[in-house]
N, C-alpha and C. Protein backbone atom coordinates (compact mmCIF):
# COMPACT_ATOMS: atom_id res chain seq x y z
N MET A 1 103.52 100.21 104.73
CA MET A 1 102.28 100.55 105.11
C MET A 1 101.98 102.12 105.08
N PHE A 2 100.85 102.57 104.83
CA PHE A 2 100.49 103.88 104.85
C PHE A 2 99.29 104.17 105.70
N ILE A 3 99.30 105.50 106.22
CA ILE A 3 98.14 106.03 107.01
C ILE A 3 97.44 107.05 106.09
N CYS A 4 96.13 106.96 106.26
CA CYS A 4 95.26 107.87 105.39
C CYS A 4 95.17 109.22 106.03
N LYS A 5 95.30 110.19 105.20
CA LYS A 5 95.19 111.78 105.77
C LYS A 5 93.97 112.46 105.04
N ILE A 6 93.49 111.81 103.85
CA ILE A 6 92.30 112.49 103.40
C ILE A 6 91.35 111.27 102.82
N HIS A 7 90.18 111.55 103.10
CA HIS A 7 89.11 110.46 102.62
C HIS A 7 89.08 110.13 101.11
N CYS A 8 89.19 108.68 100.89
CA CYS A 8 89.05 108.33 99.75
C CYS A 8 88.36 106.89 99.59
N VAL A 9 88.01 106.49 98.36
CA VAL A 9 87.22 105.26 98.24
C VAL A 9 87.91 104.31 97.24
N ALA A 10 88.10 103.04 97.78
CA ALA A 10 88.80 101.87 96.99
C ALA A 10 87.51 100.92 96.45
N LYS A 11 87.82 100.35 95.21
CA LYS A 11 86.89 99.46 94.67
C LYS A 11 87.25 98.09 94.94
N THR A 12 86.43 97.12 95.07
CA THR A 12 86.79 95.84 95.31
C THR A 12 86.50 94.90 94.01
N ASP A 13 87.05 93.78 94.08
CA ASP A 13 86.84 92.99 92.85
C ASP A 13 85.42 92.81 92.46
N HIS A 14 84.56 92.95 93.44
CA HIS A 14 83.03 92.86 92.97
C HIS A 14 82.42 94.19 92.72
N LEU A 15 83.19 95.29 92.61
CA LEU A 15 82.72 96.59 92.46
C LEU A 15 82.08 97.20 93.50
N GLU A 16 82.18 96.63 94.79
CA GLU A 16 81.68 97.32 95.83
C GLU A 16 82.84 98.42 96.36
N THR A 17 82.32 99.22 97.36
CA THR A 17 83.37 100.37 97.65
C THR A 17 83.74 100.08 99.14
N ILE A 18 85.11 100.56 99.37
CA ILE A 18 85.53 100.67 100.77
C ILE A 18 85.89 101.94 101.06
N GLN A 19 85.14 102.59 102.10
CA GLN A 19 85.53 103.90 102.43
C GLN A 19 86.84 103.85 103.30
N ILE A 20 87.83 104.70 103.00
CA ILE A 20 88.87 104.85 103.68
C ILE A 20 88.93 106.25 104.24
N VAL A 21 88.85 106.47 105.55
CA VAL A 21 88.90 107.55 106.16
C VAL A 21 90.25 107.78 106.91
N PRO A 22 90.37 109.15 107.27
CA PRO A 22 91.65 109.41 107.84
C PRO A 22 91.96 108.62 109.14
N GLY A 23 93.15 108.25 109.30
CA GLY A 23 93.68 107.30 110.33
C GLY A 23 93.59 105.86 110.00
N ASP A 24 92.97 105.43 108.92
CA ASP A 24 92.80 103.94 108.32
C ASP A 24 94.34 103.68 107.85
N ILE A 25 94.69 102.50 108.17
CA ILE A 25 95.99 102.04 107.74
C ILE A 25 95.85 101.00 106.50
N ILE A 26 96.68 101.26 105.48
CA ILE A 26 96.70 100.30 104.49
C ILE A 26 97.97 99.68 104.07
N SER A 27 97.95 98.48 103.53
CA SER A 27 99.32 97.79 103.09
C SER A 27 99.09 97.71 101.47
N VAL A 28 100.03 97.93 100.93
CA VAL A 28 100.13 98.12 99.39
C VAL A 28 100.71 96.69 98.80
N GLY A 29 99.89 96.22 97.71
CA GLY A 29 100.40 94.97 96.96
C GLY A 29 100.88 95.39 95.64
N LYS A 30 100.67 94.57 94.58
CA LYS A 30 101.13 95.00 93.16
C LYS A 30 100.22 95.85 92.45
N THR A 31 100.88 96.38 91.36
CA THR A 31 100.20 97.42 90.70
C THR A 31 99.61 96.98 89.27
N ILE A 32 98.46 97.17 88.91
CA ILE A 32 97.89 96.68 87.58
C ILE A 32 97.37 97.90 86.96
N ARG A 33 97.97 98.31 85.90
CA ARG A 33 97.37 99.43 85.05
C ARG A 33 97.21 100.73 85.94
N ASN A 34 98.02 101.21 86.58
CA ASN A 34 97.74 102.48 87.42
C ASN A 34 96.87 102.11 88.68
N LYS A 35 96.37 101.06 88.90
CA LYS A 35 95.68 100.52 90.14
C LYS A 35 96.48 99.81 91.11
N VAL A 36 96.43 100.14 92.40
CA VAL A 36 97.24 99.45 93.29
C VAL A 36 96.36 98.54 94.07
N ARG A 37 96.77 97.35 94.36
CA ARG A 37 95.94 96.46 95.22
C ARG A 37 96.37 96.82 96.58
N VAL A 38 95.34 97.22 97.51
CA VAL A 38 95.58 97.56 98.96
C VAL A 38 94.82 96.81 99.72
N LEU A 39 95.37 96.42 101.05
CA LEU A 39 94.54 95.75 102.10
C LEU A 39 94.34 96.84 103.02
N VAL A 40 93.02 97.23 103.37
CA VAL A 40 92.74 98.15 104.38
C VAL A 40 92.38 97.54 105.60
N THR A 41 93.19 97.88 106.54
CA THR A 41 92.97 97.17 107.91
C THR A 41 91.45 97.10 108.42
N ASN A 42 91.08 95.89 108.60
CA ASN A 42 89.79 95.61 109.23
C ASN A 42 88.62 95.98 108.12
N LYS A 43 88.87 96.30 107.01
CA LYS A 43 87.85 96.51 105.92
C LYS A 43 87.81 95.68 104.75
N GLY A 44 89.09 95.11 104.26
CA GLY A 44 89.18 94.42 103.20
C GLY A 44 90.07 94.71 102.10
N ILE A 45 90.00 94.05 100.96
CA ILE A 45 91.01 94.17 99.83
C ILE A 45 90.26 94.95 98.63
N GLY A 46 90.87 95.99 98.25
CA GLY A 46 90.37 96.73 97.13
C GLY A 46 91.56 97.51 96.11
N TYR A 47 91.10 98.30 95.29
CA TYR A 47 92.05 98.85 94.33
C TYR A 47 91.89 100.34 94.43
N LEU A 48 93.08 101.05 94.47
CA LEU A 48 93.14 102.43 94.52
C LEU A 48 93.92 102.99 93.42
N ASP A 49 93.66 104.20 92.79
CA ASP A 49 94.51 104.84 91.80
C ASP A 49 95.88 105.16 92.38
N SER A 50 97.11 104.76 91.71
CA SER A 50 98.25 105.00 92.41
C SER A 50 98.59 106.52 92.70
N ALA A 51 98.00 107.48 92.04
CA ALA A 51 98.10 108.96 92.38
C ALA A 51 97.58 109.21 93.73
N LEU A 52 96.31 108.42 94.07
CA LEU A 52 95.91 108.81 95.38
C LEU A 52 96.81 108.45 96.59
N ILE A 53 97.51 107.32 96.28
CA ILE A 53 98.37 106.98 97.46
C ILE A 53 99.46 108.04 97.75
N GLU A 54 99.85 108.67 96.57
CA GLU A 54 100.86 109.69 96.77
C GLU A 54 100.40 110.93 97.53
N THR A 55 99.17 111.22 97.30
CA THR A 55 98.58 112.55 97.75
C THR A 55 97.65 112.42 99.12
N ASN A 56 97.17 111.28 99.12
CA ASN A 56 96.15 111.10 100.34
C ASN A 56 96.75 110.29 101.49
N PHE A 57 98.06 109.81 101.48
CA PHE A 57 98.50 108.93 102.41
C PHE A 57 99.83 109.33 102.73
N ASN A 58 100.25 109.21 104.09
CA ASN A 58 101.58 109.28 104.62
C ASN A 58 102.19 107.96 104.99
N ASN A 59 103.64 107.91 105.12
CA ASN A 59 104.08 106.74 105.54
C ASN A 59 103.77 106.38 106.90
N TYR A 60 103.60 105.13 107.36
CA TYR A 60 103.19 104.70 108.56
C TYR A 60 104.38 103.87 109.29
N GLY A 61 104.83 104.13 110.30
CA GLY A 61 105.90 103.44 111.06
C GLY A 61 107.21 103.67 110.52
């Protein structure tokens, strides 16, 4: 699990957006073509660029 430190946006399967703000917690799933499937707590499932996870998130717990 990771905790957000910089605002970013994940895209859902239906091309909607999920706003991820500092303090939000995500769980990471499998990677598909540099996109990582993430579960954003209380917001839903979306896809983030793998580089964003390295720069915008810290380990949680």
